[in-house]
Protein backbone atom coordinates (compact mmCIF):
# COMPACT_ATOMS: atom_id res chain seq x y z
CA MET A 1 11.03 -2.81 -28.09
CA LEU A 2 8.73 0.11 -27.46
CA TYR A 3 6.69 -0.53 -24.32
CA ASP A 4 3.27 0.88 -23.61
CA PHE A 5 4.14 1.16 -19.91
CA VAL A 6 7.26 0.86 -17.82
CA ILE A 7 6.39 0.43 -14.15
CA ILE A 8 9.15 1.45 -11.76
CA GLY A 9 8.80 -0.63 -8.60
CA ALA A 10 7.99 -4.33 -8.19
CA GLY A 11 6.40 -4.33 -4.75
CA ILE A 12 2.68 -4.87 -4.32
CA ALA A 13 1.85 -1.45 -5.85
CA GLY A 14 3.79 -2.03 -9.06
CA SER A 15 2.79 -5.69 -9.27
CA SER A 16 -0.90 -4.81 -8.89
CA ILE A 17 -1.05 -2.22 -11.66
CA ALA A 18 1.09 -4.43 -13.90
CA TYR A 19 -1.48 -7.20 -13.55
CA PHE A 20 -4.37 -4.93 -14.52
CA LEU A 21 -2.46 -3.68 -17.57
CA LYS A 22 -1.13 -7.10 -18.58
CA GLU A 23 -2.84 -7.02 -22.00
CA LYS A 24 -0.53 -4.12 -22.94
CA LYS A 25 3.22 -4.23 -23.54
CA VAL A 26 4.42 -3.79 -19.96
CA LEU A 27 7.87 -3.87 -18.40
CA VAL A 28 8.38 -3.79 -14.63
CA VAL A 29 11.76 -2.70 -13.29
CA ASP A 30 13.10 -2.69 -9.74
CA LYS A 31 16.64 -2.31 -8.48
CA ALA A 32 16.09 -4.83 -5.68
CA GLY A 33 14.09 -7.48 -7.52
CA VAL A 34 10.46 -8.55 -7.15
CA CYS A 35 8.97 -7.84 -3.72
CA ASN A 36 12.36 -7.43 -2.06
CA LYS A 37 11.90 -4.25 -0.02
CA ALA A 38 8.93 -2.90 1.99
CA SER A 39 6.42 -5.33 0.46
CA ASN A 40 8.67 -8.22 1.41
CA ALA A 41 8.58 -7.03 5.02
CA ALA A 42 4.79 -6.87 5.03
CA GLY A 43 2.72 -9.28 7.04
CA ALA A 44 0.23 -8.93 4.15
CA PHE A 45 -2.65 -9.16 6.63
CA LEU A 46 -6.13 -8.61 5.22
CA PHE A 47 -8.02 -7.18 8.18
CA PRO A 48 -10.95 -4.76 8.47
CA LYS A 49 -10.46 -1.30 9.90
CA VAL A 50 -12.29 -0.77 13.18
CA GLY A 51 -13.48 2.80 13.64
CA PHE A 52 -16.26 5.19 12.76
CA ASN A 53 -17.53 4.80 9.21
CA THR A 54 -15.45 7.65 7.81
CA LYS A 55 -14.42 7.92 4.15
CA TYR A 56 -11.14 6.22 4.99
CA THR A 57 -12.70 3.38 6.99
CA LYS A 58 -15.21 2.83 4.19
CA PHE A 59 -12.44 2.76 1.59
CA VAL A 60 -10.29 0.30 3.56
CA ASN A 61 -13.16 -2.11 4.10
CA GLU A 62 -14.34 -1.88 0.48
CA ALA A 63 -10.76 -2.58 -0.61
CA LEU A 64 -10.62 -5.55 1.76
CA LEU A 65 -13.73 -7.22 0.35
CA TYR A 66 -12.67 -6.55 -3.23
CA SER A 67 -9.22 -8.00 -2.57
CA PHE A 68 -10.56 -11.23 -1.06
CA ASP A 69 -12.63 -11.79 -4.22
CA PHE A 70 -9.71 -10.81 -6.45
CA TYR A 71 -7.24 -13.19 -4.79
CA LYS A 72 -9.80 -15.99 -4.98
CA THR A 73 -9.99 -15.63 -8.78
CA LEU A 74 -6.20 -16.02 -8.94
CA ASN A 75 -6.18 -19.03 -6.58
CA ILE A 76 -4.02 -17.11 -4.10
CA ALA A 77 -4.51 -18.50 -0.58
CA THR A 78 -5.94 -15.86 1.77
CA HIS A 79 -6.30 -18.03 4.91
CA LYS A 80 -9.64 -16.35 5.49
CA ASP A 81 -10.28 -17.72 8.97
CA GLY A 82 -11.42 -14.46 10.51
CA VAL A 83 -9.72 -11.96 12.81
CA TRP A 84 -10.31 -11.03 16.43
CA ILE A 85 -9.61 -7.30 16.81
CA LEU A 86 -8.89 -6.29 20.40
CA PRO A 87 -8.85 -2.86 22.09
CA ARG A 88 -5.39 -1.55 23.01
CA ASP A 89 -6.38 0.07 26.31
CA GLU A 90 -9.29 1.34 28.43
CA LYS A 91 -9.90 4.27 26.08
CA ASP A 92 -10.21 1.86 23.18
CA ILE A 93 -12.78 -0.19 25.09
CA GLU A 94 -15.00 2.89 25.32
CA LYS A 95 -14.38 3.80 21.67
CA PHE A 96 -15.29 0.29 20.54
CA LYS A 97 -18.74 0.72 22.07
CA GLU A 98 -19.31 3.67 19.74
CA TYR A 99 -17.61 2.17 16.69
CA LYS A 100 -19.95 -0.80 16.49
CA LYS A 101 -22.91 1.51 15.85
CA THR A 102 -21.52 2.25 12.38
CA PHE A 103 -20.00 -1.09 11.33
CA THR A 104 -20.84 -2.19 7.80
CA LEU A 105 -19.08 -5.56 7.92
CA LYS A 106 -20.49 -8.61 9.68
CA TYR A 107 -19.08 -9.04 13.16
CA GLN A 108 -19.56 -10.75 16.49
CA GLU A 109 -18.78 -9.22 19.86
CA LYS A 110 -16.08 -11.28 21.52
CA GLY A 111 -14.74 -10.27 24.92
CA ASP A 112 -13.84 -6.59 24.75
CA GLY A 113 -13.27 -6.80 20.99
CA PHE A 114 -14.87 -7.87 17.75
CA PHE A 115 -14.54 -10.93 15.57
CA PHE A 116 -14.81 -10.42 11.81
CA GLU A 117 -15.16 -13.29 9.36
CA ASP A 118 -13.43 -11.14 6.75
CA GLY A 119 -9.92 -11.55 8.09
CA GLY A 120 -6.95 -13.37 6.63
CA PHE A 121 -3.56 -12.92 4.99
CA VAL A 122 -1.54 -13.76 1.91
CA ASP A 123 2.10 -14.56 1.35
CA SER A 124 3.73 -11.36 0.12
CA GLN A 125 6.44 -12.82 -2.12
CA SER A 126 4.34 -15.43 -3.89
CA THR A 127 1.50 -12.95 -4.35
CA CYS A 128 3.70 -10.45 -6.20
CA ASN A 129 5.22 -13.29 -8.25
CA LYS A 130 1.73 -14.45 -9.22
CA LEU A 131 0.66 -10.96 -10.27
CA LEU A 132 3.74 -10.62 -12.48
CA GLU A 133 3.40 -13.97 -14.23
CA ASN A 134 4.05 -13.58 -17.98
CA ILE A 135 4.95 -9.89 -17.56
CA ASP A 136 8.43 -8.69 -18.54
CA PHE A 137 10.65 -7.88 -15.56
CA LYS A 138 14.15 -6.50 -15.33
CA GLN A 139 16.20 -5.95 -12.17
CA LEU A 140 17.51 -2.49 -12.84
CA GLU A 141 18.00 0.83 -11.08
CA ILE A 142 16.60 3.72 -13.08
CA THR A 143 19.09 6.58 -12.94
CA GLN A 144 18.08 8.58 -16.00
CA ILE A 145 14.73 9.48 -17.56
CA GLU A 146 14.52 11.60 -20.71
CA LYS A 147 11.40 12.76 -22.53
CA LYS A 148 11.85 12.74 -26.29
CA GLU A 149 9.27 11.42 -28.71
CA TYR A 150 8.88 8.73 -26.04
CA TYR A 151 10.32 8.31 -22.57
CA VAL A 152 13.82 6.85 -22.62
CA LEU A 153 15.12 5.23 -19.41
CA ASN A 154 18.84 4.74 -18.82
CA ASN A 155 19.42 5.37 -22.54
CA GLU A 156 18.13 1.88 -23.29
CA ILE A 157 14.42 1.40 -22.53
CA LYS A 158 11.79 3.18 -24.60
CA THR A 159 8.20 3.56 -23.43
CA LYS A 160 5.07 5.56 -24.14
CA ALA A 161 4.29 5.97 -20.43
CA ILE A 162 5.82 5.53 -16.98
CA ILE A 163 4.02 4.46 -13.81
CA LEU A 164 5.80 5.30 -10.57
CA ALA A 165 5.37 2.66 -7.88
CA THR A 166 8.54 3.46 -5.98
CA GLY A 167 7.31 3.65 -2.40
CA TRP A 168 9.12 6.18 -0.21
CA GLU A 169 12.06 6.51 -2.60
CA ASN A 170 11.92 9.21 -5.29
CA VAL A 171 12.88 8.62 -8.90
CA ILE A 172 11.20 11.81 -10.13
CA ASP A 173 10.69 14.79 -7.83
CA ILE A 174 7.00 15.62 -7.54
CA PRO A 175 6.74 18.69 -5.28
CA TYR A 176 3.10 18.31 -4.26
CA ILE A 177 3.31 14.62 -3.34
CA LYS A 178 4.97 13.86 -0.02
CA ILE A 179 5.37 10.26 1.10
CA ARG A 180 5.79 9.40 4.77
CA PRO A 181 8.18 6.51 5.39
CA VAL A 182 6.82 4.27 8.14
CA TRP A 183 8.93 1.52 9.66
CA GLY A 184 7.32 -1.89 9.14
CA GLN A 185 8.47 -5.23 10.52
CA ARG A 186 7.51 -8.88 10.22
CA ILE A 187 8.88 -11.84 12.11
CA GLU A 188 8.00 -15.50 11.65
CA ILE A 189 8.08 -17.91 14.58
CA LYS A 190 8.52 -21.68 14.36
CA THR A 191 6.13 -22.87 17.03
CA ASP A 192 3.66 -25.56 18.02
CA ILE A 193 1.24 -22.84 19.21
CA HIS A 194 -1.92 -22.79 17.08
CA PRO A 195 -3.88 -19.53 17.48
CA GLU A 196 -7.59 -20.11 17.03
CA TYR A 197 -7.92 -17.08 14.75
CA ASN A 198 -5.86 -14.29 13.30
CA TYR A 199 -5.48 -11.50 15.87
CA HIS A 200 -4.87 -7.77 15.93
CA LYS A 201 -4.15 -5.41 18.80
CA ASN A 202 -0.91 -3.40 18.78
CA CYS A 203 0.37 -5.86 16.20
CA SER A 204 -1.07 -8.61 14.03
CA ILE A 205 -0.70 -12.36 14.60
CA SER A 206 -1.53 -14.99 12.01
CA LYS A 207 -2.86 -18.49 12.40
CA ASN A 208 -0.28 -21.26 12.32
CA ILE A 209 0.44 -22.42 8.76
CA ASP A 210 2.84 -25.36 8.45
CA GLY A 211 4.33 -24.67 11.88
CA ILE A 212 4.87 -20.94 11.27
CA VAL A 213 3.11 -18.01 12.94
CA LYS A 214 3.84 -14.55 11.59
CA ILE A 215 3.73 -11.32 13.58
CA GLY A 216 3.69 -7.92 11.92
CA ALA A 217 3.28 -4.25 12.66
CA THR A 218 3.69 -0.83 11.10
CA HIS A 219 4.85 0.61 14.35
CA GLU A 220 7.43 3.40 14.10
CA ARG A 221 7.21 6.58 12.02
CA ARG A 222 10.91 7.22 11.61
CA TRP A 223 13.71 7.05 9.11
CA SER A 224 16.12 4.21 9.48
CA GLU A 225 19.17 3.09 7.56
CA LYS A 226 19.48 -0.07 9.62
CA ASP A 227 19.94 -3.37 7.91
CA PRO A 228 16.95 -5.59 8.75
CA ASP A 229 19.28 -8.06 10.47
CA ASP A 230 20.21 -5.34 12.98
CA VAL A 231 16.64 -4.62 14.03
CA ASN A 232 15.68 -5.78 17.51
CA ASN A 233 12.64 -8.07 17.66
CA ASP A 234 11.91 -7.44 21.35
CA ILE A 235 9.41 -4.60 20.80
CA LEU A 236 7.34 -6.59 18.33
CA LEU A 237 7.45 -9.74 20.44
CA SER A 238 6.34 -7.82 23.54
CA LYS A 239 3.34 -6.51 21.59
CA ALA A 240 2.49 -10.03 20.47
CA ASN A 241 2.67 -11.29 24.04
CA GLU A 242 0.00 -8.77 25.02
CA ILE A 243 -2.34 -10.92 22.93
CA MET A 244 -1.08 -14.39 23.82
CA ASP A 245 2.01 -16.16 25.10
CA ILE A 246 4.21 -16.61 22.04
CA ASN A 247 7.15 -18.95 22.26
CA GLY A 248 9.28 -20.62 19.68
CA GLU A 249 12.26 -20.00 17.42
CA VAL A 250 12.45 -16.84 15.30
CA TYR A 251 12.52 -18.35 11.83
CA SER A 252 12.88 -15.16 9.81
CA MET A 253 12.69 -11.39 10.17
CA LYS A 254 12.02 -8.71 7.56
CA ALA A 255 11.89 -4.96 7.96
CA GLY A 256 11.57 -1.96 5.69
CA MET A 257 10.03 1.45 5.06
CA ARG A 258 6.40 1.42 3.99
CA ALA A 259 5.04 4.35 2.02
CA GLY A 260 2.18 6.35 3.50
CA SER A 261 0.41 9.42 2.16
CA ILE A 262 -0.25 12.47 4.32
CA ASP A 263 -3.99 11.74 4.43
CA TYR A 264 -3.58 7.92 4.50
CA PHE A 265 -5.39 7.31 1.19
CA PRO A 266 -3.40 5.82 -1.69
CA ILE A 267 -2.28 8.24 -4.40
CA ILE A 268 -3.11 7.29 -7.98
CA GLY A 269 -3.47 9.04 -11.32
CA LYS A 270 -1.55 11.30 -13.68
CA ILE A 271 1.21 13.58 -12.44
CA ILE A 272 0.24 17.25 -12.56
CA ASP A 273 2.34 19.84 -14.36
CA THR A 274 2.42 22.20 -11.38
CA LYS A 275 4.31 25.00 -13.10
CA LYS A 276 1.98 25.26 -16.09
CA THR A 277 -1.19 24.89 -14.02
CA LEU A 278 -0.18 27.66 -11.60
CA GLU A 279 0.87 29.94 -14.46
CA TYR A 280 -2.59 29.65 -16.02
CA TYR A 281 -4.52 29.65 -12.76
CA PRO A 282 -2.57 31.53 -10.05
CA GLU A 283 -5.83 31.96 -8.13
CA ILE A 284 -5.41 28.36 -6.93
CA LYS A 285 -3.04 29.76 -4.32
CA LYS A 286 -5.95 31.82 -2.98
CA GLY A 287 -8.01 28.70 -2.48
CA ARG A 288 -10.01 28.82 -5.71
CA LEU A 289 -10.51 25.67 -7.73
CA PRO A 290 -9.03 25.82 -11.25
CA LYS A 291 -11.12 25.37 -14.39
CA GLU A 292 -8.68 22.70 -15.50
CA VAL A 293 -5.45 21.01 -14.46
CA PHE A 294 -2.52 20.33 -16.79
CA TYR A 295 -0.78 16.99 -16.57
CA LYS A 296 2.60 15.57 -17.51
CA GLU A 297 2.03 13.47 -20.60
CA GLY A 298 2.39 9.75 -20.00
CA LEU A 299 3.42 9.99 -16.35
CA TYR A 300 1.39 8.19 -13.68
CA ILE A 301 1.73 7.17 -10.04
CA ILE A 302 0.42 4.54 -7.62
CA ASN A 303 1.80 5.07 -4.12
CA GLY A 304 0.98 5.89 -0.50
CA GLY A 305 -0.89 2.68 0.35
CA GLY A 306 0.63 2.46 3.83
CA GLY A 307 0.46 -0.66 5.97
CA ARG A 308 -2.56 -2.13 4.15
CA GLY A 309 -0.87 -2.43 0.79
CA PHE A 310 -2.02 -5.94 -0.05
CA SER A 311 -5.63 -4.79 -0.10
CA ASN A 312 -5.38 -1.02 -0.71
CA TYR A 313 -3.18 -1.34 -3.81
CA ILE A 314 -5.22 -4.10 -5.43
CA TYR A 315 -8.34 -1.93 -5.18
CA SER A 316 -6.49 1.23 -6.22
CA ALA A 317 -4.89 -0.47 -9.23
CA LYS A 318 -8.37 -1.37 -10.46
CA PHE A 319 -9.32 2.33 -10.48
CA LEU A 320 -6.04 3.43 -12.05
CA SER A 321 -6.26 0.87 -14.85
CA GLU A 322 -9.86 1.85 -15.63
CA TYR A 323 -8.73 5.47 -15.86
CA ILE A 324 -5.77 4.67 -18.11
CA LEU A 325 -7.56 2.23 -20.40
CA ASN A 326 -11.09 3.62 -20.51
CA GLY A 327 -10.97 7.17 -19.17
CA VAL A 328 -13.08 6.30 -16.13
CA LYS A 329 -12.80 9.06 -13.54
CA ILE A 330 -10.68 8.28 -10.48
CA PRO A 331 -12.47 8.74 -7.13
CA GLU A 332 -11.55 12.12 -5.62
CA ILE A 333 -10.26 10.51 -2.43
CA LEU A 334 -7.53 8.75 -4.46
CA ASP A 335 -6.79 11.24 -7.25
CA THR A 336 -3.42 13.03 -7.17
CA LYS A 337 -5.29 16.30 -7.70
CA ARG A 338 -6.47 16.39 -4.08
CA LEU A 339 -2.88 16.78 -2.87
CA PHE A 340 -2.02 19.39 -5.50
CA ILE A 341 -4.82 21.73 -4.40
CA LYS A 342 -3.72 21.53 -0.75
CA TRP A 343 -0.06 22.04 -1.71
CA ALA A 344 -0.85 25.07 -3.90
CA ARG A 345 -2.78 26.77 -1.10
CA LYS A 346 0.15 26.33 1.25
CA LEU A 347 2.41 28.11 -1.26
CA GLU A 348 0.45 31.30 -0.69
CA LYS A 349 0.62 30.97 3.09
CA ASN A 350 4.36 30.39 3.02
CA SER A 351 5.18 33.13 0.52
């Protein structure tokens, strides 16, 4: 079979774009299975971002609202019971006083923090499974990609286009796109404690669903080859206990490397042919914008969503699918081109 798209990666990034392209012939491949790496370790919390109304804060909160509506149409439970966001320290208390002047989401002041009605979470595994319903999937590691008349993967899969949703692991080297691996962890506690809301401070705590409270954080920017079973839960539990006394049996623990971009925004769009573009427009290295950018035919990416993948990627996949299917321009804050321009300028400085 000739596919229209092969999506490499079956976490929330790959699952999201697969859903939006489901009317095409799509195959999703992943060496670990569906949602079995970083996305499986996600708390999948859907919380607002508290901060000044910057471009990033605006994007995160727009993505949040869009995702709540999106999940509702798919009958995916979001446990939208609100979230109480607390300051981490005295400095945060002072910052919060300034932040509230620019909030765009409805909130109530509660203690030193803020309560937002738009707070909840989804189940990571079942969400990805739902998105991939009726879409072809194959558990497979891609070790070879050739460009002939079409792309040929592992000498067996033929496709018109490839979408890279591989997280922090590279399948194709893209020099101008750098992904930061960030250590993420989620533990689930069997407990009779019933938090009144979802909470966030130095970590996130969910309401009790069927006797389980989950605690999650994206809390260490470091590489790690540890098996999740070897990761110590003490740091995460101590952060949770800053919010409330948590006691109970650790029911499960997941950990993995989440993929973050250098500027925090997700990265979506076509992959740029850097060599050809710089040959035609070497002045890019001097800081001048090119008249045009050349792209690799049929090669796309959706990556860099960071610790808010279950809202950021849903929203980003909408934009990417509209670009692929209808030629709708991708917002500059998400387009791969933004990173290429910065990378090209650094070439001149480092030469």
